[in-house]
């Protein structure tokens, strides 16, 4: 019966992974918006604009860097959870097989 507890833990990890994937989608959407805003803003300012000293453009660049970093962090967390889920799935399957084997021997 310990496989039920392990399976519950696996389900919790799946729920956490799904939440991280949702957050990842939000971060990607925001990063896409920032990237487009940077392009539109640069286009509006013209070729002669000094964007390296423009406060709004600098803020957009910093936001983009933060979102890229957040994306990398989320990717790592999702990968770790995927590994844990896979390990727990194997453990549950092995426990079920062992339990069924013991039941057959006891019959």
PDB file of N, CA and C in Angstrom:
ATOM      1  N   UNK A   1       0.801  -1.197   0.000  1.00  0.00           N
ATOM      2  CA  UNK A   1       0.000   0.000   0.000  1.00  0.00           C
ATOM      3  C   UNK A   1       0.851   1.271   0.000  1.00  0.00           C
ATOM      4  N   UNK A   2       2.130   1.132   0.216  1.00  0.00           N
ATOM      5  CA  UNK A   2       2.976   2.324   0.211  1.00  0.00           C
ATOM      6  C   UNK A   2       2.984   2.993  -1.159  1.00  0.00           C
ATOM      7  N   UNK A   3       2.655   2.222  -2.195  1.00  0.00           N
ATOM      8  CA  UNK A   3       2.631   2.815  -3.529  1.00  0.00           C
ATOM      9  C   UNK A   3       1.545   3.885  -3.651  1.00  0.00           C
ATOM     10  N   UNK A   4       0.499   3.804  -2.817  1.00  0.00           N
ATOM     11  CA  UNK A   4      -0.535   4.841  -2.837  1.00  0.00           C
ATOM     12  C   UNK A   4       0.023   6.183  -2.353  1.00  0.00           C
ATOM     13  N   UNK A   5       0.842   6.153  -1.333  1.00  0.00           N
ATOM     14  CA  UNK A   5       1.474   7.377  -0.831  1.00  0.00           C
ATOM     15  C   UNK A   5       2.442   7.935  -1.868  1.00  0.00           C
ATOM     16  N   UNK A   6       3.188   7.049  -2.503  1.00  0.00           N
ATOM     17  CA  UNK A   6       4.142   7.481  -3.531  1.00  0.00           C
ATOM     18  C   UNK A   6       3.384   8.053  -4.723  1.00  0.00           C
ATOM     19  N   UNK A   7       2.277   7.413  -5.084  1.00  0.00           N
ATOM     20  CA  UNK A   7       1.472   7.920  -6.194  1.00  0.00           C
ATOM     21  C   UNK A   7       0.877   9.286  -5.862  1.00  0.00           C
ATOM     22  N   UNK A   8       0.479   9.481  -4.626  1.00  0.00           N
ATOM     23  CA  UNK A   8      -0.033  10.794  -4.206  1.00  0.00           C
ATOM     24  C   UNK A   8       1.045  11.857  -4.323  1.00  0.00           C
ATOM     25  N   UNK A   9       2.265  11.513  -3.952  1.00  0.00           N
ATOM     26  CA  UNK A   9       3.385  12.448  -4.086  1.00  0.00           C
ATOM     27  C   UNK A   9       3.634  12.766  -5.559  1.00  0.00           C
ATOM     28  N   UNK A  10       3.542  11.754  -6.397  1.00  0.00           N
ATOM     29  CA  UNK A  10       3.714  11.959  -7.840  1.00  0.00           C
ATOM     30  C   UNK A  10       2.649  12.920  -8.362  1.00  0.00           C
ATOM     31  N   UNK A  11       1.410  12.739  -7.927  1.00  0.00           N
ATOM     32  CA  UNK A  11       0.326  13.613  -8.372  1.00  0.00           C
ATOM     33  C   UNK A  11       0.549  15.060  -7.911  1.00  0.00           C
ATOM     34  N   UNK A  12       1.089  15.226  -6.711  1.00  0.00           N
ATOM     35  CA  UNK A  12       1.415  16.563  -6.222  1.00  0.00           C
ATOM     36  C   UNK A  12       2.489  17.211  -7.097  1.00  0.00           C
ATOM     37  N   UNK A  13       3.509  16.439  -7.462  1.00  0.00           N
ATOM     38  CA  UNK A  13       4.561  16.961  -8.353  1.00  0.00           C
ATOM     39  C   UNK A  13       3.988  17.334  -9.720  1.00  0.00           C
ATOM     40  N   UNK A  14       3.054  16.549 -10.212  1.00  0.00           N
ATOM     41  CA  UNK A  14       2.431  16.856 -11.500  1.00  0.00           C
ATOM     42  C   UNK A  14       1.667  18.175 -11.404  1.00  0.00           C
ATOM     43  N   UNK A  15       0.962  18.365 -10.310  1.00  0.00           N
ATOM     44  CA  UNK A  15       0.233  19.611 -10.092  1.00  0.00           C
ATOM     45  C   UNK A  15       1.194  20.803 -10.037  1.00  0.00           C
ATOM     46  N   UNK A  16       2.303  20.637  -9.323  1.00  0.00           N
ATOM     47  CA  UNK A  16       3.298  21.707  -9.235  1.00  0.00           C
ATOM     48  C   UNK A  16       3.900  22.001 -10.606  1.00  0.00           C
ATOM     49  N   UNK A  17       4.189  20.943 -11.374  1.00  0.00           N
ATOM     50  CA  UNK A  17       4.743  21.131 -12.714  1.00  0.00           C
ATOM     51  C   UNK A  17       3.756  21.885 -13.597  1.00  0.00           C
ATOM     52  N   UNK A  18       2.482  21.531 -13.519  1.00  0.00           N
ATOM     53  CA  UNK A  18       1.470  22.211 -14.325  1.00  0.00           C
ATOM     54  C   UNK A  18       1.383  23.695 -13.970  1.00  0.00           C
ATOM     55  N   UNK A  19       1.497  23.997 -12.690  1.00  0.00           N
ATOM     56  CA  UNK A  19       1.479  25.399 -12.275  1.00  0.00           C
ATOM     57  C   UNK A  19       2.700  26.141 -12.812  1.00  0.00           C
ATOM     58  N   UNK A  20       3.861  25.500 -12.766  1.00  0.00           N
ATOM     59  CA  UNK A  20       5.069  26.126 -13.314  1.00  0.00           C
ATOM     60  C   UNK A  20       4.958  26.316 -14.824  1.00  0.00           C
ATOM     61  N   UNK A  21       4.352  25.357 -15.509  1.00  0.00           N
ATOM     62  CA  UNK A  21       4.172  25.494 -16.947  1.00  0.00           C
ATOM     63  C   UNK A  21       3.225  26.648 -17.276  1.00  0.00           C
ATOM     64  N   UNK A  22       2.210  26.828 -16.441  1.00  0.00           N
ATOM     65  CA  UNK A  22       1.305  27.967 -16.623  1.00  0.00           C
ATOM     66  C   UNK A  22       2.066  29.279 -16.420  1.00  0.00           C
ATOM     67  N   UNK A  23       2.862  29.341 -15.351  1.00  0.00           N
ATOM     68  CA  UNK A  23       3.666  30.541 -15.104  1.00  0.00           C
ATOM     69  C   UNK A  23       4.640  30.775 -16.250  1.00  0.00           C
ATOM     70  N   UNK A  24       5.202  29.698 -16.776  1.00  0.00           N
ATOM     71  CA  UNK A  24       6.128  29.796 -17.893  1.00  0.00           C
ATOM     72  C   UNK A  24       5.432  30.422 -19.113  1.00  0.00           C
ATOM     73  N   UNK A  25       4.195  30.045 -19.348  1.00  0.00           N
ATOM     74  CA  UNK A  25       3.428  30.621 -20.454  1.00  0.00           C
ATOM     75  C   UNK A  25       3.215  32.116 -20.244  1.00  0.00           C
ATOM     76  N   UNK A  26       2.903  32.499 -19.017  1.00  0.00           N
ATOM     77  CA  UNK A  26       2.723  33.922 -18.714  1.00  0.00           C
ATOM     78  C   UNK A  26       4.014  34.701 -18.929  1.00  0.00           C
ATOM     79  N   UNK A  27       5.123  34.137 -18.487  1.00  0.00           N
ATOM     80  CA  UNK A  27       6.423  34.802 -18.642  1.00  0.00           C
ATOM     81  C   UNK A  27       6.776  34.930 -20.125  1.00  0.00           C
ATOM     82  N   UNK A  28       6.521  33.871 -20.887  1.00  0.00           N
ATOM     83  CA  UNK A  28       6.810  33.919 -22.325  1.00  0.00           C
ATOM     84  C   UNK A  28       5.962  34.986 -23.018  1.00  0.00           C
ATOM     85  N   UNK A  29       4.691  35.081 -22.634  1.00  0.00           N
ATOM     86  CA  UNK A  29       3.824  36.103 -23.224  1.00  0.00           C
ATOM     87  C   UNK A  29       4.321  37.509 -22.898  1.00  0.00           C
ATOM     88  N   UNK A  30       4.720  37.703 -21.654  1.00  0.00           N
ATOM     89  CA  UNK A  30       5.236  39.018 -21.264  1.00  0.00           C
ATOM     90  C   UNK A  30       6.547  39.330 -21.982  1.00  0.00           C
ATOM     91  N   UNK A  31       7.404  38.333 -22.114  1.00  0.00           N
ATOM     92  CA  UNK A  31       8.680  38.532 -22.818  1.00  0.00           C
ATOM     93  C   UNK A  31       8.429  38.883 -24.281  1.00  0.00           C
ATOM     94  N   UNK A  32       7.456  38.237 -24.899  1.00  0.00           N
ATOM     95  CA  UNK A  32       7.110  38.563 -26.286  1.00  0.00           C
ATOM     96  C   UNK A  32       6.610  39.995 -26.401  1.00  0.00           C
ATOM     97  N   UNK A  33       5.779  40.408 -25.444  1.00  0.00           N
ATOM     98  CA  UNK A  33       5.280  41.777 -25.468  1.00  0.00           C
ATOM     99  C   UNK A  33       6.425  42.782 -25.327  1.00  0.00           C
ATOM    100  N   UNK A  34       7.329  42.517 -24.390  1.00  0.00           N
ATOM    101  CA  UNK A  34       8.456  43.433 -24.163  1.00  0.00           C
ATOM    102  C   UNK A  34       9.318  43.524 -25.422  1.00  0.00           C
ATOM    103  N   UNK A  35       9.566  42.386 -26.036  1.00  0.00           N
ATOM    104  CA  UNK A  35      10.379  42.368 -27.255  1.00  0.00           C
ATOM    105  C   UNK A  35       9.720  43.188 -28.366  1.00  0.00           C
ATOM    106  N   UNK A  36       8.424  43.020 -28.531  1.00  0.00           N
ATOM    107  CA  UNK A  36       7.710  43.787 -29.552  1.00  0.00           C
ATOM    108  C   UNK A  36       7.708  45.275 -29.209  1.00  0.00           C
ATOM    109  N   UNK A  37       7.512  45.589 -27.940  1.00  0.00           N
ATOM    110  CA  UNK A  37       7.508  46.989 -27.505  1.00  0.00           C
ATOM    111  C   UNK A  37       8.861  47.641 -27.778  1.00  0.00           C
ATOM    112  N   UNK A  38       9.926  46.894 -27.552  1.00  0.00           N
ATOM    113  CA  UNK A  38      11.268  47.430 -27.833  1.00  0.00           C
ATOM    114  C   UNK A  38      11.403  47.755 -29.323  1.00  0.00           C
ATOM    115  N   UNK A  39      10.914  46.852 -30.153  1.00  0.00           N
ATOM    116  CA  UNK A  39      10.985  47.085 -31.600  1.00  0.00           C
ATOM    117  C   UNK A  39      10.152  48.276 -32.037  1.00  0.00           C
ATOM    118  N   UNK A  40       8.919  48.345 -31.531  1.00  0.00           N
ATOM    119  CA  UNK A  40       8.050  49.472 -31.883  1.00  0.00           C
ATOM    120  C   UNK A  40       8.639  50.792 -31.406  1.00  0.00           C
ATOM    121  N   UNK A  41       9.149  50.773 -30.182  1.00  0.00           N
ATOM    122  CA  UNK A  41       9.704  52.007 -29.610  1.00  0.00           C
ATOM    123  C   UNK A  41      10.930  52.458 -30.401  1.00  0.00           C
ATOM    124  N   UNK A  42      11.800  51.527 -30.729  1.00  0.00           N
ATOM    125  CA  UNK A  42      12.998  51.860 -31.513  1.00  0.00           C
ATOM    126  C   UNK A  42      12.595  52.408 -32.876  1.00  0.00           C
ATOM    127  N   UNK A  43      11.574  51.828 -33.458  1.00  0.00           N
ATOM    128  CA  UNK A  43      11.099  52.283 -34.764  1.00  0.00           C
ATOM    129  C   UNK A  43      10.524  53.693 -34.672  1.00  0.00           C
ATOM    130  N   UNK A  44       9.764  53.966 -33.612  1.00  0.00           N
ATOM    131  CA  UNK A  44       9.176  55.291 -33.425  1.00  0.00           C
ATOM    132  C   UNK A  44      10.237  56.355 -33.174  1.00  0.00           C
ATOM    133  N   UNK A  45      11.273  55.968 -32.448  1.00  0.00           N
ATOM    134  CA  UNK A  45      12.321  56.944 -32.117  1.00  0.00           C
ATOM    135  C   UNK A  45      13.197  57.266 -33.331  1.00  0.00           C
ATOM    136  N   UNK A  46      13.230  56.382 -34.262  1.00  0.00           N
ATOM    137  CA  UNK A  46      14.004  56.626 -35.478  1.00  0.00           C
ATOM    138  C   UNK A  46      15.430  56.116 -35.372  1.00  0.00           C
ATOM    139  N   UNK A  47      16.100  56.117 -36.507  1.00  0.00           N
ATOM    140  CA  UNK A  47      17.464  55.578 -36.574  1.00  0.00           C
ATOM    141  C   UNK A  47      18.482  56.431 -35.832  1.00  0.00           C
ATOM    142  N   UNK A  48      18.204  57.691 -35.697  1.00  0.00           N
ATOM    143  CA  UNK A  48      19.154  58.616 -35.068  1.00  0.00           C
ATOM    144  C   UNK A  48      19.038  58.638 -33.545  1.00  0.00           C
ATOM    145  N   UNK A  49      18.063  57.942 -32.998  1.00  0.00           N
ATOM    146  CA  UNK A  49      17.831  57.973 -31.548  1.00  0.00           C
ATOM    147  C   UNK A  49      18.945  57.248 -30.801  1.00  0.00           C
ATOM    148  N   UNK A  50      19.288  57.784 -29.640  1.00  0.00           N
ATOM    149  CA  UNK A  50      20.300  57.168 -28.780  1.00  0.00           C
ATOM    150  C   UNK A  50      19.580  56.300 -27.744  1.00  0.00           C
ATOM    151  N   UNK A  51      19.267  55.082 -28.149  1.00  0.00           N
ATOM    152  CA  UNK A  51      18.497  54.185 -27.282  1.00  0.00           C
ATOM    153  C   UNK A  51      19.303  53.685 -26.090  1.00  0.00           C
ATOM    154  N   UNK A  52      20.626  53.711 -26.197  1.00  0.00           N
ATOM    155  CA  UNK A  52      21.463  53.247 -25.086  1.00  0.00           C
ATOM    156  C   UNK A  52      21.325  54.141 -23.857  1.00  0.00           C
ATOM    157  N   UNK A  53      20.874  55.373 -24.049  1.00  0.00           N
ATOM    158  CA  UNK A  53      20.697  56.306 -22.941  1.00  0.00           C
ATOM    159  C   UNK A  53      19.230  56.642 -22.694  1.00  0.00           C
ATOM    160  N   UNK A  54      18.341  55.988 -23.378  1.00  0.00           N
ATOM    161  CA  UNK A  54      16.917  56.251 -23.222  1.00  0.00           C
ATOM    162  C   UNK A  54      16.379  55.452 -22.032  1.00  0.00           C
ATOM    163  N   UNK A  55      15.833  56.126 -21.013  1.00  0.00           N
ATOM    164  CA  UNK A  55      15.395  55.426 -19.793  1.00  0.00           C
ATOM    165  C   UNK A  55      14.331  54.351 -20.050  1.00  0.00           C
ATOM    166  N   UNK A  56      13.369  54.655 -20.927  1.00  0.00           N
ATOM    167  CA  UNK A  56      12.302  53.683 -21.193  1.00  0.00           C
ATOM    168  C   UNK A  56      12.865  52.439 -21.887  1.00  0.00           C
ATOM    169  N   UNK A  57      13.733  52.661 -22.852  1.00  0.00           N
ATOM    170  CA  UNK A  57      14.323  51.539 -23.583  1.00  0.00           C
ATOM    171  C   UNK A  57      15.214  50.703 -22.664  1.00  0.00           C
ATOM    172  N   UNK A  58      15.940  51.364 -21.787  1.00  0.00           N
ATOM    173  CA  UNK A  58      16.791  50.662 -20.814  1.00  0.00           C
ATOM    174  C   UNK A  58      15.919  49.813 -19.881  1.00  0.00           C
ATOM    175  N   UNK A  59      14.794  50.374 -19.445  1.00  0.00           N
ATOM    176  CA  UNK A  59      13.879  49.628 -18.593  1.00  0.00           C
ATOM    177  C   UNK A  59      13.350  48.393 -19.326  1.00  0.00           C
ATOM    178  N   UNK A  60      13.025  48.538 -20.587  1.00  0.00           N
ATOM    179  CA  UNK A  60      12.550  47.390 -21.374  1.00  0.00           C
ATOM    180  C   UNK A  60      13.638  46.318 -21.495  1.00  0.00           C
ATOM    181  N   UNK A  61      14.874  46.748 -21.709  1.00  0.00           N
ATOM    182  CA  UNK A  61      15.987  45.795 -21.798  1.00  0.00           C
ATOM    183  C   UNK A  61      16.166  45.033 -20.483  1.00  0.00           C
ATOM    184  N   UNK A  62      16.098  45.745 -19.380  1.00  0.00           N
ATOM    185  CA  UNK A  62      16.250  45.108 -18.072  1.00  0.00           C
ATOM    186  C   UNK A  62      15.104  44.137 -17.799  1.00  0.00           C
ATOM    187  N   UNK A  63      13.914  44.525 -18.182  1.00  0.00           N
ATOM    188  CA  UNK A  63      12.759  43.637 -18.015  1.00  0.00           C
ATOM    189  C   UNK A  63      12.932  42.389 -18.867  1.00  0.00           C
ATOM    190  N   UNK A  64      13.401  42.564 -20.073  1.00  0.00           N
ATOM    191  CA  UNK A  64      13.641  41.423 -20.970  1.00  0.00           C
ATOM    192  C   UNK A  64      14.682  40.471 -20.374  1.00  0.00           C
ATOM    193  N   UNK A  65      15.746  41.019 -19.830  1.00  0.00           N
ATOM    194  CA  UNK A  65      16.786  40.191 -19.206  1.00  0.00           C
ATOM    195  C   UNK A  65      16.236  39.430 -18.003  1.00  0.00           C
ATOM    196  N   UNK A  66      15.438  40.110 -17.190  1.00  0.00           N
ATOM    197  CA  UNK A  66      14.833  39.451 -16.037  1.00  0.00           C
ATOM    198  C   UNK A  66      13.932  38.303 -16.483  1.00  0.00           C
ATOM    199  N   UNK A  67      13.104  38.553 -17.494  1.00  0.00           N
ATOM    200  CA  UNK A  67      12.172  37.530 -17.970  1.00  0.00           C
ATOM    201  C   UNK A  67      12.916  36.334 -18.564  1.00  0.00           C
ATOM    202  N   UNK A  68      14.024  36.589 -19.248  1.00  0.00           N
ATOM    203  CA  UNK A  68      14.833  35.486 -19.772  1.00  0.00           C
ATOM    204  C   UNK A  68      15.409  34.654 -18.630  1.00  0.00           C
ATOM    205  N   UNK A  69      15.873  35.334 -17.599  1.00  0.00           N
ATOM    206  CA  UNK A  69      16.402  34.641 -16.427  1.00  0.00           C
ATOM    207  C   UNK A  69      15.307  33.833 -15.732  1.00  0.00           C
ATOM    208  N   UNK A  70      14.135  34.417 -15.604  1.00  0.00           N
ATOM    209  CA  UNK A  70      12.999  33.725 -14.986  1.00  0.00           C
ATOM    210  C   UNK A  70      12.607  32.500 -15.818  1.00  0.00           C
ATOM    211  N   UNK A  71      12.646  32.648 -17.121  1.00  0.00           N
ATOM    212  CA  UNK A  71      12.337  31.536 -18.025  1.00  0.00           C
ATOM    213  C   UNK A  71      13.314  30.381 -17.819  1.00  0.00           C
ATOM    214  N   UNK A  72      14.592  30.701 -17.707  1.00  0.00           N
ATOM    215  CA  UNK A  72      15.604  29.664 -17.460  1.00  0.00           C
ATOM    216  C   UNK A  72      15.359  28.958 -16.131  1.00  0.00           C
ATOM    217  N   UNK A  73      15.013  29.732 -15.113  1.00  0.00           N
ATOM    218  CA  UNK A  73      14.725  29.152 -13.800  1.00  0.00           C
ATOM    219  C   UNK A  73      13.523  28.217 -13.867  1.00  0.00           C
ATOM    220  N   UNK A  74      12.478  28.657 -14.537  1.00  0.00           N
ATOM    221  CA  UNK A  74      11.282  27.822 -14.677  1.00  0.00           C
ATOM    222  C   UNK A  74      11.589  26.542 -15.457  1.00  0.00           C
ATOM    223  N   UNK A  75      12.383  26.671 -16.511  1.00  0.00           N
ATOM    224  CA  UNK A  75      12.781  25.485 -17.283  1.00  0.00           C
ATOM    225  C   UNK A  75      13.494  24.472 -16.396  1.00  0.00           C
ATOM    226  N   UNK A  76      14.399  24.957 -15.561  1.00  0.00           N
ATOM    227  CA  UNK A  76      15.143  24.071 -14.657  1.00  0.00           C
ATOM    228  C   UNK A  76      14.210  23.403 -13.652  1.00  0.00           C
ATOM    229  N   UNK A  77      13.304  24.175 -13.077  1.00  0.00           N
ATOM    230  CA  UNK A  77      12.376  23.621 -12.096  1.00  0.00           C
ATOM    231  C   UNK A  77      11.455  22.580 -12.727  1.00  0.00           C
ATOM    232  N   UNK A  78      10.987  22.862 -13.926  1.00  0.00           N
ATOM    233  CA  UNK A  78      10.114  21.906 -14.624  1.00  0.00           C
ATOM    234  C   UNK A  78      10.874  20.626 -14.934  1.00  0.00           C
ATOM    235  N   UNK A  79      12.115  20.756 -15.371  1.00  0.00           N
ATOM    236  CA  UNK A  79      12.925  19.566 -15.671  1.00  0.00           C
ATOM    237  C   UNK A  79      13.149  18.724 -14.414  1.00  0.00           C
ATOM    238  N   UNK A  80      13.427  19.373 -13.296  1.00  0.00           N
ATOM    239  CA  UNK A  80      13.597  18.634 -12.038  1.00  0.00           C
ATOM    240  C   UNK A  80      12.327  17.890 -11.650  1.00  0.00           C
ATOM    241  N   UNK A  81      11.194  18.556 -11.774  1.00  0.00           N
ATOM    242  CA  UNK A  81       9.929  17.900 -11.455  1.00  0.00           C
ATOM    243  C   UNK A  81       9.635  16.753 -12.417  1.00  0.00           C
ATOM    244  N   UNK A  82       9.950  16.940 -13.694  1.00  0.00           N
ATOM    245  CA  UNK A  82       9.768  15.850 -14.660  1.00  0.00           C
ATOM    246  C   UNK A  82      10.591  14.631 -14.268  1.00  0.00           C
ATOM    247  N   UNK A  83      11.820  14.876 -13.825  1.00  0.00           N
ATOM    248  CA  UNK A  83      12.682  13.769 -13.388  1.00  0.00           C
ATOM    249  C   UNK A  83      12.101  13.068 -12.161  1.00  0.00           C
ATOM    250  N   UNK A  84      11.616  13.848 -11.197  1.00  0.00           N
ATOM    251  CA  UNK A  84      11.013  13.274  -9.994  1.00  0.00           C
ATOM    252  C   UNK A  84       9.751  12.483 -10.332  1.00  0.00           C
ATOM    253  N   UNK A  85       8.934  13.036 -11.211  1.00  0.00           N
ATOM    254  CA  UNK A  85       7.699  12.358 -11.623  1.00  0.00           C
ATOM    255  C   UNK A  85       8.029  11.025 -12.284  1.00  0.00           C
ATOM    256  N   UNK A  86       9.025  11.025 -13.140  1.00  0.00           N
ATOM    257  CA  UNK A  86       9.428   9.793 -13.818  1.00  0.00           C
ATOM    258  C   UNK A  86       9.922   8.753 -12.814  1.00  0.00           C
ATOM    259  N   UNK A  87      10.727   9.194 -11.857  1.00  0.00           N
ATOM    260  CA  UNK A  87      11.243   8.281 -10.835  1.00  0.00           C
ATOM    261  C   UNK A  87      10.116   7.707  -9.986  1.00  0.00           C
ATOM    262  N   UNK A  88       9.186   8.563  -9.591  1.00  0.00           N
ATOM    263  CA  UNK A  88       8.068   8.103  -8.773  1.00  0.00           C
ATOM    264  C   UNK A  88       7.149   7.171  -9.562  1.00  0.00           C
ATOM    265  N   UNK A  89       6.979   7.445 -10.841  1.00  0.00           N
ATOM    266  CA  UNK A  89       6.162   6.568 -11.676  1.00  0.00           C
ATOM    267  C   UNK A  89       6.773   5.168 -11.733  1.00  0.00           C
ATOM    268  N   UNK A  90       8.086   5.112 -11.905  1.00  0.00           N
ATOM    269  CA  UNK A  90       8.782   3.827 -11.920  1.00  0.00           C
ATOM    270  C   UNK A  90       8.645   3.131 -10.578  1.00  0.00           C
ATOM    271  N   UNK A  91       8.793   3.882  -9.511  1.00  0.00           N
ATOM    272  CA  UNK A  91       8.675   3.319  -8.163  1.00  0.00           C
ATOM    273  C   UNK A  91       7.271   2.763  -7.920  1.00  0.00           C
ATOM    274  N   UNK A  92       6.250   3.503  -8.324  1.00  0.00           N
ATOM    275  CA  UNK A  92       4.870   3.044  -8.164  1.00  0.00           C
ATOM    276  C   UNK A  92       4.647   1.759  -8.960  1.00  0.00           C
ATOM    277  N   UNK A  93       5.090   1.766 -10.208  1.00  0.00           N
ATOM    278  CA  UNK A  93       4.912   0.570 -11.041  1.00  0.00           C
ATOM    279  C   UNK A  93       5.616  -0.644 -10.448  1.00  0.00           C
ATOM    280  N   UNK A  94       6.828  -0.449  -9.944  1.00  0.00           N
ATOM    281  CA  UNK A  94       7.562  -1.557  -9.323  1.00  0.00           C
ATOM    282  C   UNK A  94       6.867  -2.049  -8.060  1.00  0.00           C
ATOM    283  N   UNK A  95       6.347  -1.124  -7.254  1.00  0.00           N
ATOM    284  CA  UNK A  95       5.631  -1.514  -6.033  1.00  0.00           C
ATOM    285  C   UNK A  95       4.354  -2.282  -6.360  1.00  0.00           C
ATOM    286  N   UNK A  96       3.660  -1.869  -7.405  1.00  0.00           N
ATOM    287  CA  UNK A  96       2.440  -2.581  -7.805  1.00  0.00           C
ATOM    288  C   UNK A  96       2.800  -3.993  -8.280  1.00  0.00           C
ATOM    289  N   UNK A  97       3.842  -4.101  -9.071  1.00  0.00           N
ATOM    290  CA  UNK A  97       4.269  -5.424  -9.555  1.00  0.00           C
ATOM    291  C   UNK A  97       4.663  -6.324  -8.389  1.00  0.00           C
ATOM    292  N   UNK A  98       5.416  -5.770  -7.430  1.00  0.00           N
ATOM    293  CA  UNK A  98       5.825  -6.554  -6.268  1.00  0.00           C
ATOM    294  C   UNK A  98       4.618  -6.972  -5.443  1.00  0.00           C
ATOM    295  N   UNK A  99       3.666  -6.059  -5.283  1.00  0.00           N
ATOM    296  CA  UNK A  99       2.471  -6.388  -4.514  1.00  0.00           C
ATOM    297  C   UNK A  99       1.658  -7.471  -5.199  1.00  0.00           C
ATOM    298  N   UNK A 100       1.534  -7.378  -6.500  1.00  0.00           N
ATOM    299  CA  UNK A 100       0.799  -8.416  -7.240  1.00  0.00           C
ATOM    300  C   UNK A 100       1.533  -9.748  -7.160  1.00  0.00           C
ATOM    301  N   UNK A 101       2.860  -9.701  -7.215  1.00  0.00           N
ATOM    302  CA  UNK A 101       3.657 -10.919  -7.110  1.00  0.00           C
ATOM    303  C   UNK A 101       3.486 -11.583  -5.756  1.00  0.00           C
ATOM    304  N   UNK A 102       3.450 -10.769  -4.707  1.00  0.00           N
ATOM    305  CA  UNK A 102       3.262 -11.299  -3.370  1.00  0.00           C
ATOM    306  C   UNK A 102       1.863 -11.904  -3.210  1.00  0.00           C
ATOM    307  N   UNK A 103       0.877 -11.290  -3.814  1.00  0.00           N
ATOM    308  CA  UNK A 103      -0.476 -11.814  -3.754  1.00  0.00           C
ATOM    309  C   UNK A 103      -0.567 -13.167  -4.458  1.00  0.00           C
ATOM    310  N   UNK A 104       0.138 -13.298  -5.578  1.00  0.00           N
ATOM    311  CA  UNK A 104       0.115 -14.571  -6.309  1.00  0.00           C
ATOM    312  C   UNK A 104       0.797 -15.678  -5.512  1.00  0.00           C
ATOM    313  N   UNK A 105       1.892 -15.305  -4.843  1.00  0.00           N
ATOM    314  CA  UNK A 105       2.628 -16.305  -4.036  1.00  0.00           C
ATOM    315  C   UNK A 105       1.765 -16.729  -2.854  1.00  0.00           C
ATOM    316  N   UNK A 106       1.063 -15.767  -2.246  1.00  0.00           N
ATOM    317  CA  UNK A 106       0.238 -16.056  -1.072  1.00  0.00           C
ATOM    318  C   UNK A 106      -1.039 -16.822  -1.388  1.00  0.00           C
ATOM    319  N   UNK A 107      -1.436 -16.843  -2.642  1.00  0.00           N
ATOM    320  CA  UNK A 107      -2.704 -17.514  -2.990  1.00  0.00           C
ATOM    321  C   UNK A 107      -2.611 -19.004  -3.011  1.00  0.00           C
TER     322      UNK A 107
END
